[in-house]
N, C-alpha and C. Protein backbone atom coordinates (compact mmCIF):
# COMPACT_ATOMS: atom_id res chain seq x y z
N MET A 1 106.45 81.72 76.90
CA MET A 1 106.00 81.06 75.70
C MET A 1 105.49 82.13 74.74
N ASN A 2 106.02 82.13 73.53
CA ASN A 2 105.54 83.09 72.54
C ASN A 2 104.46 82.44 71.67
N LYS A 3 103.96 83.19 70.70
CA LYS A 3 102.85 82.70 69.88
C LYS A 3 103.22 81.43 69.11
N ALA A 4 104.41 81.39 68.52
CA ALA A 4 104.84 80.20 67.76
C ALA A 4 104.92 78.97 68.66
N GLU A 5 105.45 79.14 69.86
CA GLU A 5 105.54 78.03 70.81
C GLU A 5 104.16 77.58 71.26
N LEU A 6 103.25 78.53 71.44
CA LEU A 6 101.88 78.18 71.81
C LEU A 6 101.20 77.40 70.69
N VAL A 7 101.39 77.82 69.45
CA VAL A 7 100.83 77.10 68.31
C VAL A 7 101.39 75.68 68.27
N ASP A 8 102.68 75.52 68.48
CA ASP A 8 103.29 74.19 68.49
C ASP A 8 102.68 73.32 69.59
N ALA A 9 102.51 73.88 70.78
CA ALA A 9 101.93 73.12 71.89
C ALA A 9 100.48 72.75 71.61
N MET A 10 99.72 73.68 71.03
CA MET A 10 98.32 73.39 70.69
C MET A 10 98.24 72.28 69.65
N ALA A 11 99.12 72.32 68.66
CA ALA A 11 99.13 71.30 67.62
C ALA A 11 99.45 69.93 68.21
N ALA A 12 100.42 69.88 69.12
CA ALA A 12 100.80 68.61 69.73
C ALA A 12 99.70 68.06 70.63
N LYS A 13 99.14 68.91 71.49
CA LYS A 13 98.10 68.45 72.42
C LYS A 13 96.78 68.16 71.73
N GLY A 14 96.49 68.92 70.66
CA GLY A 14 95.23 68.74 69.95
C GLY A 14 95.31 67.75 68.81
N ASP A 15 96.49 67.16 68.60
CA ASP A 15 96.70 66.20 67.53
C ASP A 15 96.18 66.74 66.19
N MET A 16 96.72 67.93 65.84
CA MET A 16 96.32 68.59 64.60
C MET A 16 97.54 69.24 63.95
N PRO A 17 97.43 69.56 62.68
CA PRO A 17 98.55 70.25 62.02
C PRO A 17 98.77 71.64 62.62
N LYS A 18 100.00 72.14 62.51
CA LYS A 18 100.32 73.46 63.05
C LYS A 18 99.48 74.55 62.38
N ALA A 19 99.20 74.40 61.09
CA ALA A 19 98.40 75.41 60.39
C ALA A 19 97.00 75.51 60.99
N ALA A 20 96.41 74.36 61.34
CA ALA A 20 95.08 74.36 61.94
C ALA A 20 95.12 74.97 63.34
N ALA A 21 96.17 74.67 64.09
CA ALA A 21 96.32 75.24 65.44
C ALA A 21 96.49 76.75 65.36
N LYS A 22 97.26 77.21 64.37
CA LYS A 22 97.46 78.65 64.21
C LYS A 22 96.14 79.33 63.85
N ARG A 23 95.36 78.74 62.95
CA ARG A 23 94.05 79.31 62.59
C ARG A 23 93.11 79.33 63.80
N ALA A 24 93.15 78.28 64.61
CA ALA A 24 92.29 78.22 65.80
C ALA A 24 92.68 79.32 66.80
N LEU A 25 93.97 79.50 67.01
CA LEU A 25 94.43 80.53 67.94
C LEU A 25 94.05 81.92 67.44
N GLU A 26 94.27 82.17 66.15
CA GLU A 26 93.92 83.47 65.59
C GLU A 26 92.41 83.72 65.62
N ALA A 27 91.62 82.66 65.42
CA ALA A 27 90.16 82.80 65.51
C ALA A 27 89.74 83.13 66.94
N PHE A 28 90.37 82.50 67.92
CA PHE A 28 90.08 82.80 69.32
C PHE A 28 90.41 84.26 69.64
N ILE A 29 91.55 84.72 69.19
CA ILE A 29 91.96 86.10 69.45
C ILE A 29 90.99 87.08 68.82
N GLU A 30 90.61 86.84 67.57
CA GLU A 30 89.68 87.73 66.88
C GLU A 30 88.31 87.73 67.54
N ALA A 31 87.80 86.55 67.91
CA ALA A 31 86.49 86.46 68.56
C ALA A 31 86.51 87.19 69.91
N THR A 32 87.61 87.06 70.64
CA THR A 32 87.75 87.75 71.92
C THR A 32 87.76 89.26 71.72
N LYS A 33 88.51 89.73 70.71
CA LYS A 33 88.54 91.17 70.42
C LYS A 33 87.16 91.69 70.07
N GLU A 34 86.43 90.95 69.22
CA GLU A 34 85.10 91.39 68.81
C GLU A 34 84.15 91.45 70.00
N GLY A 35 84.21 90.45 70.86
CA GLY A 35 83.36 90.46 72.05
C GLY A 35 83.68 91.63 72.97
N LEU A 36 84.96 91.91 73.15
CA LEU A 36 85.35 93.02 74.03
C LEU A 36 85.00 94.36 73.41
N LYS A 37 85.07 94.48 72.08
CA LYS A 37 84.67 95.73 71.42
C LYS A 37 83.20 96.02 71.68
N LYS A 38 82.39 94.97 71.76
CA LYS A 38 80.96 95.13 72.04
C LYS A 38 80.70 95.23 73.54
N GLU A 39 81.79 95.32 74.32
CA GLU A 39 81.76 95.40 75.78
C GLU A 39 81.06 94.20 76.40
N GLN A 40 81.22 93.04 75.77
CA GLN A 40 80.72 91.80 76.32
C GLN A 40 81.81 91.18 77.18
N ARG A 41 81.39 90.38 78.12
CA ARG A 41 82.33 89.65 78.96
C ARG A 41 82.67 88.35 78.26
N VAL A 42 83.95 88.00 78.18
CA VAL A 42 84.39 86.75 77.57
C VAL A 42 84.87 85.86 78.71
N SER A 43 84.15 84.77 78.91
CA SER A 43 84.43 83.91 80.05
C SER A 43 84.74 82.49 79.59
N LEU A 44 85.84 81.97 80.09
CA LEU A 44 86.23 80.58 79.87
C LEU A 44 86.31 79.95 81.26
N PRO A 45 85.23 79.31 81.71
CA PRO A 45 85.18 78.81 83.08
C PRO A 45 86.40 77.96 83.45
N GLY A 46 86.98 78.28 84.59
CA GLY A 46 88.15 77.59 85.07
C GLY A 46 89.45 78.17 84.55
N PHE A 47 89.39 78.88 83.41
CA PHE A 47 90.61 79.43 82.84
C PHE A 47 90.72 80.92 83.11
N ALA A 48 89.80 81.72 82.54
CA ALA A 48 89.92 83.17 82.70
C ALA A 48 88.65 83.88 82.27
N THR A 49 88.55 85.13 82.69
CA THR A 49 87.48 86.02 82.26
C THR A 49 88.13 87.33 81.82
N PHE A 50 87.69 87.81 80.67
CA PHE A 50 88.14 89.10 80.14
C PHE A 50 86.92 90.01 80.13
N LYS A 51 87.08 91.25 80.56
CA LYS A 51 85.98 92.20 80.46
C LYS A 51 86.53 93.61 80.32
N VAL A 52 85.71 94.48 79.78
CA VAL A 52 86.08 95.88 79.59
C VAL A 52 85.56 96.67 80.78
N VAL A 53 86.43 97.45 81.39
CA VAL A 53 86.03 98.34 82.48
C VAL A 53 86.49 99.74 82.14
N GLU A 54 85.77 100.72 82.65
CA GLU A 54 86.15 102.11 82.41
C GLU A 54 87.08 102.58 83.51
N ARG A 55 88.23 103.07 83.11
CA ARG A 55 89.16 103.67 84.06
C ARG A 55 88.79 105.14 84.15
N PRO A 56 88.45 105.63 85.33
CA PRO A 56 88.01 107.02 85.45
C PRO A 56 89.14 108.02 85.19
N ALA A 57 88.74 109.22 84.86
CA ALA A 57 89.72 110.30 84.66
C ALA A 57 90.37 110.61 86.00
N GLY A 58 91.55 111.12 85.94
CA GLY A 58 92.27 111.45 87.17
C GLY A 58 93.40 112.41 86.89
N THR A 59 94.25 112.54 87.86
CA THR A 59 95.41 113.41 87.70
C THR A 59 96.67 112.60 87.97
N ALA A 60 97.74 113.03 87.37
CA ALA A 60 99.04 112.40 87.58
C ALA A 60 100.08 113.50 87.70
N ARG A 61 101.25 113.13 88.15
CA ARG A 61 102.30 114.13 88.32
C ARG A 61 103.52 113.72 87.51
N ASN A 62 104.04 114.67 86.75
CA ASN A 62 105.27 114.47 86.02
C ASN A 62 106.40 114.51 87.04
N VAL A 63 107.12 113.41 87.22
CA VAL A 63 108.12 113.34 88.28
C VAL A 63 109.33 114.24 88.01
N ARG A 64 109.60 114.55 86.76
CA ARG A 64 110.74 115.42 86.44
C ARG A 64 110.46 116.88 86.76
N THR A 65 109.24 117.33 86.38
CA THR A 65 108.94 118.76 86.55
C THR A 65 108.03 119.03 87.73
N GLY A 66 107.37 118.00 88.23
CA GLY A 66 106.43 118.20 89.33
C GLY A 66 105.08 118.72 88.85
N GLU A 67 104.94 118.89 87.54
CA GLU A 67 103.70 119.42 86.96
C GLU A 67 102.57 118.38 87.08
N THR A 68 101.39 118.85 87.43
CA THR A 68 100.21 117.99 87.48
C THR A 68 99.55 117.98 86.11
N ILE A 69 99.23 116.76 85.64
CA ILE A 69 98.57 116.65 84.34
C ILE A 69 97.27 115.87 84.51
N LYS A 70 96.33 116.15 83.62
CA LYS A 70 95.05 115.44 83.66
C LYS A 70 95.14 114.20 82.78
N VAL A 71 94.66 113.08 83.31
CA VAL A 71 94.63 111.83 82.57
C VAL A 71 93.17 111.56 82.22
N PRO A 72 92.84 111.44 80.93
CA PRO A 72 91.45 111.24 80.54
C PRO A 72 90.96 109.83 80.90
N ALA A 73 89.64 109.70 81.00
CA ALA A 73 89.03 108.39 81.24
C ALA A 73 89.20 107.54 79.98
N LYS A 74 89.31 106.23 80.18
CA LYS A 74 89.40 105.35 79.02
C LYS A 74 88.98 103.94 79.41
N ASN A 75 88.65 103.15 78.40
CA ASN A 75 88.28 101.76 78.63
C ASN A 75 89.54 100.90 78.59
N VAL A 76 89.63 99.95 79.52
CA VAL A 76 90.75 99.02 79.57
C VAL A 76 90.21 97.59 79.71
N VAL A 77 91.01 96.62 79.32
CA VAL A 77 90.62 95.22 79.44
C VAL A 77 91.13 94.69 80.77
N LYS A 78 90.23 94.04 81.50
CA LYS A 78 90.59 93.45 82.78
C LYS A 78 90.60 91.93 82.62
N PHE A 79 91.64 91.29 83.12
CA PHE A 79 91.80 89.84 83.05
C PHE A 79 91.74 89.29 84.46
N LYS A 80 90.91 88.26 84.63
CA LYS A 80 90.85 87.61 85.93
C LYS A 80 91.05 86.12 85.70
N ALA A 81 92.07 85.56 86.32
CA ALA A 81 92.37 84.13 86.18
C ALA A 81 91.33 83.30 86.89
N GLY A 82 90.96 82.17 86.29
CA GLY A 82 90.01 81.25 86.89
C GLY A 82 90.67 80.37 87.95
N THR A 83 89.86 79.71 88.76
CA THR A 83 90.40 78.92 89.86
C THR A 83 91.22 77.73 89.38
N THR A 84 90.81 77.08 88.29
CA THR A 84 91.58 75.95 87.78
C THR A 84 92.97 76.40 87.33
N LEU A 85 93.04 77.53 86.67
CA LEU A 85 94.32 78.07 86.23
C LEU A 85 95.18 78.45 87.43
N LEU A 86 94.58 79.11 88.39
CA LEU A 86 95.33 79.50 89.60
C LEU A 86 95.86 78.27 90.34
N ASP A 87 95.03 77.24 90.46
CA ASP A 87 95.45 76.02 91.16
C ASP A 87 96.58 75.31 90.42
N SER A 88 96.61 75.40 89.10
CA SER A 88 97.62 74.69 88.33
C SER A 88 99.01 75.30 88.47
N VAL A 89 99.10 76.54 88.90
CA VAL A 89 100.42 77.17 89.05
C VAL A 89 100.90 77.18 90.50
N GLN A 90 100.14 76.61 91.40
CA GLN A 90 100.53 76.56 92.80
C GLN A 90 101.45 75.40 93.08
């Protein structure tokens, strides 16, 4: 499902115009980004939790040359599915 299909589904299930569904989806995405930038945990009980975790620095190997390279530490977003979501796909 792509963004347009998701907007269509939200509009149908929420009994609202597509424009309102699109604004709601974009507002959710922006609010989630802002929360994660502040390193806050974004939790939707039963659906999912998003949080920022630090990936430590390490080393990797270039498979073509065999050369070892250093990989710097960085922040990444971690997604954990909620139990209701997991149960719905079983």
